[in-house]
Amino acid sequence: MIYKVSYVIIGGHRRGAVINQEYAPEVGAHVELGDQLCEIVEVQELVPPMGDFAYLHVTCRPVMQVPAAEQDKESGSQ
């Protein structure tokens, strides 16, 4: 099954994207759209699957990314 997924980013300064992918997106999962890491908050089926294609609309929100150097400090102090 190929999923044609329309991603919309809430409050983001980046436009969304339309991506063909081989897995269905799930609420709570993280997805990288360009250089923006986002968390999926809603998945809606646009139309019933047709043949080998499913059409989905995904709403997501930007996630704050911690720079790698800060992650190393945090993991070292625990």
Protein backbone atom coordinates (compact mmCIF):
# COMPACT_ATOMS: atom_id res chain seq x y z
CA MET A 1 0.00 0.00 0.00
CA ILE A 2 1.23 3.47 -0.87
CA TYR A 3 0.03 6.29 1.40
CA LYS A 4 -0.29 9.72 -0.20
CA VAL A 5 -0.03 11.95 2.85
CA SER A 6 -0.77 15.66 3.04
CA TYR A 7 1.07 17.16 6.05
CA VAL A 8 0.01 20.51 7.54
CA ILE A 9 2.06 22.15 10.30
CA ILE A 10 0.06 24.10 12.89
CA GLY A 11 1.71 27.40 13.80
CA GLY A 12 4.76 26.57 11.76
CA HIS A 13 6.47 29.10 9.55
CA ARG A 14 7.11 26.30 7.06
CA ARG A 15 4.55 25.03 4.59
CA GLY A 16 3.45 21.45 4.84
CA ALA A 17 4.23 18.74 2.33
CA VAL A 18 2.63 16.00 0.28
CA ILE A 19 4.62 12.78 0.59
CA ASN A 20 4.22 9.26 -0.80
CA GLN A 21 5.21 6.73 1.85
CA GLU A 22 4.89 3.00 2.52
CA TYR A 23 3.60 3.27 6.11
CA ALA A 24 0.58 4.93 7.67
CA PRO A 25 1.40 7.88 9.95
CA GLU A 26 0.26 7.55 13.58
CA VAL A 27 -0.77 10.14 16.18
CA GLY A 28 2.13 10.86 18.55
CA ALA A 29 4.82 9.85 16.06
CA HIS A 30 7.48 12.33 14.98
CA VAL A 31 8.10 13.19 11.35
CA GLU A 32 10.83 15.32 9.80
CA LEU A 33 9.54 17.76 7.19
CA GLY A 34 12.51 19.50 5.66
CA ASP A 35 14.57 20.73 8.60
CA GLN A 36 11.54 20.82 10.97
CA LEU A 37 10.80 18.00 13.43
CA CYS A 38 7.04 17.68 14.02
CA GLU A 39 4.71 15.59 16.18
CA ILE A 40 1.59 14.17 14.53
CA VAL A 41 -1.58 15.28 16.35
CA GLU A 42 -4.28 14.10 13.94
CA VAL A 43 -4.65 11.67 11.02
CA GLN A 44 -7.73 11.72 8.78
CA GLU A 45 -8.63 9.55 5.82
CA LEU A 46 -9.52 11.82 2.89
CA VAL A 47 -11.22 9.16 0.76
CA PRO A 48 -11.46 5.38 1.08
CA PRO A 49 -8.38 3.52 -0.23
CA MET A 50 -8.40 2.93 -4.01
CA GLY A 51 -6.42 0.00 -5.29
CA ASP A 52 -2.94 0.20 -3.77
CA PHE A 53 -3.32 3.83 -2.66
CA ALA A 54 -4.63 5.45 0.52
CA TYR A 55 -5.10 9.22 0.85
CA LEU A 56 -4.50 10.78 4.28
CA HIS A 57 -4.41 14.26 5.78
CA VAL A 58 -2.08 14.75 8.76
CA THR A 59 -2.00 17.70 11.14
CA CYS A 60 1.19 18.13 13.12
CA ARG A 61 2.91 20.66 15.37
CA PRO A 62 6.55 21.70 15.55
CA VAL A 63 8.66 20.01 18.25
CA MET A 64 11.48 21.81 20.00
CA GLN A 65 14.77 20.17 19.10
CA VAL A 66 17.60 20.03 21.62
CA PRO A 67 20.99 20.56 19.95
CA ALA A 68 23.22 17.44 20.06
CA ALA A 69 25.80 19.21 22.28
CA GLU A 70 23.12 19.90 24.93
CA GLN A 71 21.86 16.31 24.75
CA ASP A 72 25.41 15.08 25.47
CA LYS A 73 25.64 17.36 28.54
CA GLU A 74 22.28 16.17 29.87
CA SER A 75 23.08 12.49 29.44
CA GLY A 76 26.49 12.96 31.07
CA SER A 77 25.06 14.63 34.18
CA GLN A 78 22.65 11.80 35.02
